[in-house]
Each structure stands twice: as structure tokens, then as C-alpha cells.
Amino acid sequence: MTENNDTWAGLFKAVVAWIGVLVGSITLSKLVLFATLVYTVLQTYVLWRDKLKGQENGKL
């Protein structure tokens, strides 16, 4: 029973270490770049959606 707990404890420690590495590698510039990408994609979607709705109603 103790060996099983040791295995899970080791796995948990490895997962926590990997999460720490991933979170620690995020910088403010990466967050801003990602937010800009999301904003651009959403604006493009809204533009295309509005343009397609305008064509359905006979407007451009």
C-alpha cells in the first residue's frame, strides 16, 4: 500500500513541477500578444458576420 502512495506522490510532484514551469514561462508580452490575437480574430468574425447578414438583406 505504501508503494502505491509513493508512486502517486512522485507523480503529483512531477505534475506540480511541470505546471510551475508552464506558468513561470508566461510573460506579460506573451499575454498581450495572445489577447491581441483573440481580439483580432473576434473582430474579423464580427466583420464577416455583419457583411454576410447585409448580403442576405440586400444591403452591403
PDB file of N, CA and C in Angstrom:
ATOM      1  N   MET A   1       0.820  -1.185   0.000  1.00  0.00           N
ATOM      2  CA  MET A   1       0.000   0.000   0.000  1.00  0.00           C
ATOM      3  C   MET A   1       0.871   1.257   0.000  1.00  0.00           C
ATOM      4  N   THR A   2       1.979   1.229   0.687  1.00  0.00           N
ATOM      5  CA  THR A   2       2.851   2.399   0.750  1.00  0.00           C
ATOM      6  C   THR A   2       3.507   2.662  -0.597  1.00  0.00           C
ATOM      7  N   GLU A   3       3.832   1.610  -1.336  1.00  0.00           N
ATOM      8  CA  GLU A   3       4.448   1.790  -2.647  1.00  0.00           C
ATOM      9  C   GLU A   3       3.501   2.523  -3.588  1.00  0.00           C
ATOM     10  N   ASN A   4       2.217   2.196  -3.507  1.00  0.00           N
ATOM     11  CA  ASN A   4       1.237   2.858  -4.358  1.00  0.00           C
ATOM     12  C   ASN A   4       1.158   4.344  -4.014  1.00  0.00           C
ATOM     13  N   ASN A   5       1.178   4.661  -2.729  1.00  0.00           N
ATOM     14  CA  ASN A   5       1.149   6.062  -2.311  1.00  0.00           C
ATOM     15  C   ASN A   5       2.412   6.790  -2.746  1.00  0.00           C
ATOM     16  N   ASP A   6       3.554   6.119  -2.686  1.00  0.00           N
ATOM     17  CA  ASP A   6       4.806   6.727  -3.126  1.00  0.00           C
ATOM     18  C   ASP A   6       4.766   7.033  -4.624  1.00  0.00           C
ATOM     19  N   THR A   7       4.165   6.133  -5.386  1.00  0.00           N
ATOM     20  CA  THR A   7       4.045   6.344  -6.829  1.00  0.00           C
ATOM     21  C   THR A   7       3.188   7.567  -7.120  1.00  0.00           C
ATOM     22  N   TRP A   8       2.041   7.644  -6.453  1.00  0.00           N
ATOM     23  CA  TRP A   8       1.146   8.784  -6.670  1.00  0.00           C
ATOM     24  C   TRP A   8       1.781  10.088  -6.184  1.00  0.00           C
ATOM     25  N   ALA A   9       2.518  10.036  -5.101  1.00  0.00           N
ATOM     26  CA  ALA A   9       3.188  11.231  -4.588  1.00  0.00           C
ATOM     27  C   ALA A   9       4.249  11.712  -5.580  1.00  0.00           C
ATOM     28  N   GLY A  10       4.996  10.785  -6.147  1.00  0.00           N
ATOM     29  CA  GLY A  10       6.001  11.146  -7.148  1.00  0.00           C
ATOM     30  C   GLY A  10       5.366  11.728  -8.402  1.00  0.00           C
ATOM     31  N   LEU A  11       4.262  11.131  -8.831  1.00  0.00           N
ATOM     32  CA  LEU A  11       3.548  11.640 -10.000  1.00  0.00           C
ATOM     33  C   LEU A  11       3.005  13.044  -9.732  1.00  0.00           C
ATOM     34  N   PHE A  12       2.452  13.237  -8.550  1.00  0.00           N
ATOM     35  CA  PHE A  12       1.912  14.545  -8.178  1.00  0.00           C
ATOM     36  C   PHE A  12       3.008  15.609  -8.165  1.00  0.00           C
ATOM     37  N   LYS A  13       4.166  15.263  -7.626  1.00  0.00           N
ATOM     38  CA  LYS A  13       5.285  16.207  -7.592  1.00  0.00           C
ATOM     39  C   LYS A  13       5.743  16.570  -9.003  1.00  0.00           C
ATOM     40  N   ALA A  14       5.770  15.588  -9.897  1.00  0.00           N
ATOM     41  CA  ALA A  14       6.175  15.855 -11.274  1.00  0.00           C
ATOM     42  C   ALA A  14       5.170  16.768 -11.971  1.00  0.00           C
ATOM     43  N   VAL A  15       3.888  16.522 -11.743  1.00  0.00           N
ATOM     44  CA  VAL A  15       2.852  17.362 -12.356  1.00  0.00           C
ATOM     45  C   VAL A  15       2.936  18.791 -11.826  1.00  0.00           C
ATOM     46  N   VAL A  16       3.125  18.939 -10.535  1.00  0.00           N
ATOM     47  CA  VAL A  16       3.251  20.276  -9.946  1.00  0.00           C
ATOM     48  C   VAL A  16       4.474  20.992 -10.522  1.00  0.00           C
ATOM     49  N   ALA A  17       5.564  20.279 -10.713  1.00  0.00           N
ATOM     50  CA  ALA A  17       6.768  20.888 -11.287  1.00  0.00           C
ATOM     51  C   ALA A  17       6.509  21.358 -12.716  1.00  0.00           C
ATOM     52  N   TRP A  18       5.834  20.540 -13.526  1.00  0.00           N
ATOM     53  CA  TRP A  18       5.533  20.921 -14.905  1.00  0.00           C
ATOM     54  C   TRP A  18       4.584  22.112 -14.958  1.00  0.00           C
ATOM     55  N   ILE A  19       3.603  22.146 -14.087  1.00  0.00           N
ATOM     56  CA  ILE A  19       2.686  23.290 -14.045  1.00  0.00           C
ATOM     57  C   ILE A  19       3.455  24.552 -13.662  1.00  0.00           C
ATOM     58  N   GLY A  20       4.366  24.431 -12.729  1.00  0.00           N
ATOM     59  CA  GLY A  20       5.191  25.575 -12.344  1.00  0.00           C
ATOM     60  C   GLY A  20       6.039  26.085 -13.492  1.00  0.00           C
ATOM     61  N   VAL A  21       6.590  25.179 -14.276  1.00  0.00           N
ATOM     62  CA  VAL A  21       7.398  25.585 -15.432  1.00  0.00           C
ATOM     63  C   VAL A  21       6.525  26.298 -16.461  1.00  0.00           C
ATOM     64  N   LEU A  22       5.343  25.749 -16.725  1.00  0.00           N
ATOM     65  CA  LEU A  22       4.458  26.364 -17.714  1.00  0.00           C
ATOM     66  C   LEU A  22       3.986  27.744 -17.271  1.00  0.00           C
ATOM     67  N   VAL A  23       3.569  27.866 -16.036  1.00  0.00           N
ATOM     68  CA  VAL A  23       3.094  29.154 -15.530  1.00  0.00           C
ATOM     69  C   VAL A  23       4.251  30.144 -15.427  1.00  0.00           C
ATOM     70  N   GLY A  24       5.405  29.673 -15.049  1.00  0.00           N
ATOM     71  CA  GLY A  24       6.561  30.550 -14.910  1.00  0.00           C
ATOM     72  C   GLY A  24       7.091  31.068 -16.228  1.00  0.00           C
ATOM     73  N   SER A  25       6.784  30.381 -17.324  1.00  0.00           N
ATOM     74  CA  SER A  25       7.295  30.815 -18.625  1.00  0.00           C
ATOM     75  C   SER A  25       6.391  31.845 -19.291  1.00  0.00           C
ATOM     76  N   ILE A  26       5.221  32.114 -18.702  1.00  0.00           N
ATOM     77  CA  ILE A  26       4.307  33.100 -19.274  1.00  0.00           C
ATOM     78  C   ILE A  26       4.779  34.495 -18.871  1.00  0.00           C
ATOM     79  N   THR A  27       4.987  35.336 -19.868  1.00  0.00           N
ATOM     80  CA  THR A  27       5.400  36.712 -19.597  1.00  0.00           C
ATOM     81  C   THR A  27       4.274  37.658 -19.996  1.00  0.00           C
ATOM     82  N   LEU A  28       4.386  38.898 -19.574  1.00  0.00           N
ATOM     83  CA  LEU A  28       3.366  39.886 -19.897  1.00  0.00           C
ATOM     84  C   LEU A  28       3.281  40.104 -21.402  1.00  0.00           C
ATOM     85  N   SER A  29       4.408  40.086 -22.079  1.00  0.00           N
ATOM     86  CA  SER A  29       4.386  40.296 -23.528  1.00  0.00           C
ATOM     87  C   SER A  29       3.662  39.154 -24.238  1.00  0.00           C
ATOM     88  N   LYS A  30       3.813  37.932 -23.741  1.00  0.00           N
ATOM     89  CA  LYS A  30       3.093  36.802 -24.333  1.00  0.00           C
ATOM     90  C   LYS A  30       1.594  36.926 -24.086  1.00  0.00           C
ATOM     91  N   LEU A  31       1.214  37.380 -22.892  1.00  0.00           N
ATOM     92  CA  LEU A  31      -0.206  37.572 -22.596  1.00  0.00           C
ATOM     93  C   LEU A  31      -0.814  38.655 -23.478  1.00  0.00           C
ATOM     94  N   VAL A  32      -0.099  39.747 -23.671  1.00  0.00           N
ATOM     95  CA  VAL A  32      -0.594  40.833 -24.517  1.00  0.00           C
ATOM     96  C   VAL A  32      -0.702  40.370 -25.962  1.00  0.00           C
ATOM     97  N   LEU A  33       0.270  39.624 -26.434  1.00  0.00           N
ATOM     98  CA  LEU A  33       0.226  39.102 -27.797  1.00  0.00           C
ATOM     99  C   LEU A  33      -0.964  38.170 -27.984  1.00  0.00           C
ATOM    100  N   PHE A  34      -1.213  37.302 -27.025  1.00  0.00           N
ATOM    101  CA  PHE A  34      -2.348  36.383 -27.104  1.00  0.00           C
ATOM    102  C   PHE A  34      -3.670  37.147 -27.063  1.00  0.00           C
ATOM    103  N   ALA A  35      -3.772  38.152 -26.195  1.00  0.00           N
ATOM    104  CA  ALA A  35      -5.000  38.948 -26.109  1.00  0.00           C
ATOM    105  C   ALA A  35      -5.250  39.701 -27.416  1.00  0.00           C
ATOM    106  N   THR A  36      -4.197  40.206 -28.031  1.00  0.00           N
ATOM    107  CA  THR A  36      -4.329  40.895 -29.312  1.00  0.00           C
ATOM    108  C   THR A  36      -4.797  39.936 -30.394  1.00  0.00           C
ATOM    109  N   LEU A  37      -4.266  38.730 -30.394  1.00  0.00           N
ATOM    110  CA  LEU A  37      -4.685  37.719 -31.362  1.00  0.00           C
ATOM    111  C   LEU A  37      -6.162  37.381 -31.198  1.00  0.00           C
ATOM    112  N   VAL A  38      -6.597  37.170 -29.968  1.00  0.00           N
ATOM    113  CA  VAL A  38      -8.003  36.848 -29.704  1.00  0.00           C
ATOM    114  C   VAL A  38      -8.895  38.002 -30.148  1.00  0.00           C
ATOM    115  N   TYR A  39      -8.514  39.235 -29.824  1.00  0.00           N
ATOM    116  CA  TYR A  39      -9.297  40.409 -30.198  1.00  0.00           C
ATOM    117  C   TYR A  39      -9.401  40.532 -31.717  1.00  0.00           C
ATOM    118  N   THR A  40      -8.296  40.312 -32.425  1.00  0.00           N
ATOM    119  CA  THR A  40      -8.294  40.406 -33.880  1.00  0.00           C
ATOM    120  C   THR A  40      -9.190  39.350 -34.505  1.00  0.00           C
ATOM    121  N   VAL A  41      -9.120  38.128 -34.001  1.00  0.00           N
ATOM    122  CA  VAL A  41      -9.964  37.051 -34.527  1.00  0.00           C
ATOM    123  C   VAL A  41     -11.437  37.362 -34.283  1.00  0.00           C
ATOM    124  N   LEU A  42     -11.778  37.846 -33.099  1.00  0.00           N
ATOM    125  CA  LEU A  42     -13.170  38.185 -32.808  1.00  0.00           C
ATOM    126  C   LEU A  42     -13.661  39.336 -33.682  1.00  0.00           C
ATOM    127  N   GLN A  43     -12.839  40.347 -33.891  1.00  0.00           N
ATOM    128  CA  GLN A  43     -13.240  41.461 -34.746  1.00  0.00           C
ATOM    129  C   GLN A  43     -13.438  41.002 -36.188  1.00  0.00           C
ATOM    130  N   THR A  44     -12.578  40.116 -36.677  1.00  0.00           N
ATOM    131  CA  THR A  44     -12.724  39.575 -38.024  1.00  0.00           C
ATOM    132  C   THR A  44     -14.014  38.788 -38.150  1.00  0.00           C
ATOM    133  N   TYR A  45     -14.333  37.986 -37.150  1.00  0.00           N
ATOM    134  CA  TYR A  45     -15.574  37.216 -37.155  1.00  0.00           C
ATOM    135  C   TYR A  45     -16.788  38.142 -37.205  1.00  0.00           C
ATOM    136  N   VAL A  46     -16.788  39.179 -36.380  1.00  0.00           N
ATOM    137  CA  VAL A  46     -17.918  40.111 -36.350  1.00  0.00           C
ATOM    138  C   VAL A  46     -18.048  40.828 -37.690  1.00  0.00           C
ATOM    139  N   LEU A  47     -16.950  41.232 -38.288  1.00  0.00           N
ATOM    140  CA  LEU A  47     -16.981  41.904 -39.583  1.00  0.00           C
ATOM    141  C   LEU A  47     -17.571  41.003 -40.658  1.00  0.00           C
ATOM    142  N   TRP A  48     -17.108  39.763 -40.742  1.00  0.00           N
ATOM    143  CA  TRP A  48     -17.628  38.825 -41.739  1.00  0.00           C
ATOM    144  C   TRP A  48     -19.091  38.502 -41.481  1.00  0.00           C
ATOM    145  N   ARG A  49     -19.450  38.331 -40.211  1.00  0.00           N
ATOM    146  CA  ARG A  49     -20.839  38.024 -39.875  1.00  0.00           C
ATOM    147  C   ARG A  49     -21.757  39.160 -40.304  1.00  0.00           C
ATOM    148  N   ASP A  50     -21.375  40.390 -40.011  1.00  0.00           N
ATOM    149  CA  ASP A  50     -22.191  41.538 -40.389  1.00  0.00           C
ATOM    150  C   ASP A  50     -22.258  41.699 -41.902  1.00  0.00           C
ATOM    151  N   LYS A  51     -21.164  41.423 -42.579  1.00  0.00           N
ATOM    152  CA  LYS A  51     -21.159  41.538 -44.038  1.00  0.00           C
ATOM    153  C   LYS A  51     -22.075  40.487 -44.658  1.00  0.00           C
ATOM    154  N   LEU A  52     -22.046  39.260 -44.146  1.00  0.00           N
ATOM    155  CA  LEU A  52     -22.922  38.214 -44.672  1.00  0.00           C
ATOM    156  C   LEU A  52     -24.385  38.511 -44.372  1.00  0.00           C
ATOM    157  N   LYS A  53     -24.690  39.044 -43.204  1.00  0.00           N
ATOM    158  CA  LYS A  53     -26.068  39.417 -42.879  1.00  0.00           C
ATOM    159  C   LYS A  53     -26.543  40.531 -43.793  1.00  0.00           C
ATOM    160  N   GLY A  54     -25.660  41.456 -44.135  1.00  0.00           N
ATOM    161  CA  GLY A  54     -26.015  42.547 -45.036  1.00  0.00           C
ATOM    162  C   GLY A  54     -26.325  42.045 -46.429  1.00  0.00           C
ATOM    163  N   GLN A  55     -25.610  41.035 -46.887  1.00  0.00           N
ATOM    164  CA  GLN A  55     -25.865  40.470 -48.208  1.00  0.00           C
ATOM    165  C   GLN A  55     -27.194  39.733 -48.240  1.00  0.00           C
ATOM    166  N   GLU A  56     -27.576  39.099 -47.145  1.00  0.00           N
ATOM    167  CA  GLU A  56     -28.852  38.391 -47.091  1.00  0.00           C
ATOM    168  C   GLU A  56     -30.020  39.367 -47.148  1.00  0.00           C
ATOM    169  N   ASN A  57     -29.853  40.548 -46.581  1.00  0.00           N
ATOM    170  CA  ASN A  57     -30.920  41.545 -46.563  1.00  0.00           C
ATOM    171  C   ASN A  57     -30.887  42.455 -47.785  1.00  0.00           C
ATOM    172  N   GLY A  58     -29.950  42.255 -48.686  1.00  0.00           N
ATOM    173  CA  GLY A  58     -29.850  43.076 -49.877  1.00  0.00           C
ATOM    174  C   GLY A  58     -29.039  44.340 -49.680  1.00  0.00           C
ATOM    175  N   LYS A  59     -28.362  44.472 -48.560  1.00  0.00           N
ATOM    176  CA  LYS A  59     -27.531  45.651 -48.278  1.00  0.00           C
ATOM    177  C   LYS A  59     -26.061  45.254 -48.287  1.00  0.00           C
ATOM    178  N   LEU A  60     -25.225  46.215 -48.526  1.00  0.00           N
ATOM    179  CA  LEU A  60     -23.789  45.986 -48.388  1.00  0.00           C
ATOM    180  C   LEU A  60     -23.154  47.074 -47.596  1.00  0.00           C
TER     181      LEU A  60
END
